[in-house]
Amino acid sequence: MERGIAETDVTVPFNEHDIRAKAANDAEDLEHARALMSHASTATTKRVYRRKPEVVAPLQANKKGLGHVSMTQALCYDPAVSATTR
């Protein structure tokens, strides 16, 4: 560790667990991270190593031109019901 800090621009000490966590975080998805960590279950990987939030797709409600909707409306959005009440 001391040699690594002395010979590079690294200023904060780290260990192999930090590198494992970074590899799991940088994986495309949870399943890929699980495989990199050699865990039997994705639950272990998610609980211990995935530290950044998952990126999710935007709500479909806003894509259909419904304008601004509250979080409750967005979570309860049902296109079939919405079409009959317009």
Protein backbone atom coordinates (compact mmCIF):
# COMPACT_ATOMS: atom_id res chain seq x y z
CA MET A 1 0.00 0.00 0.00
CA GLU A 2 2.73 2.48 0.94
CA ARG A 3 4.55 1.81 -2.32
CA GLY A 4 1.35 2.28 -4.32
CA ILE A 5 0.67 5.63 -2.68
CA ALA A 6 4.30 6.71 -3.10
CA GLU A 7 4.48 5.78 -6.81
CA THR A 8 1.05 7.03 -7.96
CA ASP A 9 -1.33 9.94 -7.52
CA VAL A 10 -3.35 7.95 -4.96
CA THR A 11 -3.58 9.84 -1.69
CA VAL A 12 -6.13 7.77 0.27
CA PRO A 13 -5.25 4.28 1.54
CA PHE A 14 -7.44 1.43 0.24
CA ASN A 15 -7.56 -2.36 0.35
CA GLU A 16 -8.69 -5.23 -1.87
CA HIS A 17 -12.26 -4.99 -0.59
CA ASP A 18 -12.48 -1.45 -1.98
CA ILE A 19 -11.41 -2.77 -5.39
CA ARG A 20 -14.02 -5.58 -5.23
CA ALA A 21 -16.73 -3.07 -4.37
CA LYS A 22 -15.67 -0.83 -7.27
CA ALA A 23 -15.76 -3.76 -9.69
CA ALA A 24 -19.26 -4.71 -8.49
CA ASN A 25 -20.43 -1.10 -8.75
CA ASP A 26 -19.06 -0.63 -12.24
CA ALA A 27 -20.73 -3.81 -13.56
CA GLU A 28 -23.55 -3.24 -16.05
CA ASP A 29 -26.21 -4.89 -13.89
CA LEU A 30 -26.68 -6.82 -10.68
CA GLU A 31 -26.37 -10.23 -12.36
CA HIS A 32 -23.02 -9.29 -13.93
CA ALA A 33 -21.81 -7.99 -10.55
CA ARG A 34 -22.92 -11.27 -8.91
CA ALA A 35 -20.87 -13.24 -11.44
CA LEU A 36 -17.79 -11.07 -10.89
CA MET A 37 -18.02 -11.55 -7.13
CA SER A 38 -18.71 -15.32 -7.52
CA HIS A 39 -21.73 -15.10 -5.23
CA ALA A 40 -24.42 -17.76 -5.34
CA SER A 41 -27.14 -15.17 -4.81
CA THR A 42 -27.64 -11.65 -6.15
CA ALA A 43 -29.00 -10.72 -2.69
CA THR A 44 -25.49 -10.96 -1.22
CA THR A 45 -24.02 -8.85 -3.99
CA LYS A 46 -26.73 -6.22 -3.67
CA ARG A 47 -26.49 -6.02 0.12
CA VAL A 48 -22.68 -5.88 0.37
CA TYR A 49 -21.19 -4.54 -2.85
CA ARG A 50 -23.67 -2.52 -4.91
CA ARG A 51 -23.29 0.99 -3.50
CA LYS A 52 -24.61 3.23 -6.23
CA PRO A 53 -28.29 3.51 -7.14
CA GLU A 54 -29.70 1.65 -10.11
CA VAL A 55 -30.58 3.74 -13.17
CA VAL A 56 -34.23 3.33 -14.08
CA ALA A 57 -36.22 4.30 -17.16
CA PRO A 58 -38.48 7.36 -16.98
CA LEU A 59 -42.16 6.89 -16.24
CA GLN A 60 -44.30 6.05 -19.26
CA ALA A 61 -46.94 8.55 -18.09
CA ASN A 62 -44.72 11.52 -18.96
CA LYS A 63 -43.80 10.08 -22.36
CA LYS A 64 -47.48 9.98 -23.38
CA GLY A 65 -47.92 13.72 -23.00
CA LEU A 66 -49.88 13.62 -19.76
CA GLY A 67 -47.87 16.54 -18.43
CA HIS A 68 -46.83 16.84 -14.82
CA VAL A 69 -48.19 14.12 -12.55
CA SER A 70 -47.75 13.59 -8.82
CA MET A 71 -45.74 10.65 -7.53
CA THR A 72 -48.96 8.97 -6.33
CA GLN A 73 -50.55 9.37 -9.75
CA ALA A 74 -47.42 8.06 -11.46
CA LEU A 75 -47.20 5.00 -9.22
CA CYS A 76 -50.90 4.24 -9.71
CA TYR A 77 -51.02 5.00 -13.43
CA ASP A 78 -53.08 2.45 -15.36
CA PRO A 79 -53.48 3.20 -19.10
CA ALA A 80 -56.70 1.16 -19.31
CA VAL A 81 -58.39 3.16 -16.55
CA SER A 82 -56.98 6.45 -17.83
CA ALA A 83 -58.41 5.90 -21.34
CA THR A 84 -61.95 5.36 -20.01
CA THR A 85 -61.95 8.44 -17.75
CA ARG A 86 -60.88 11.04 -20.33
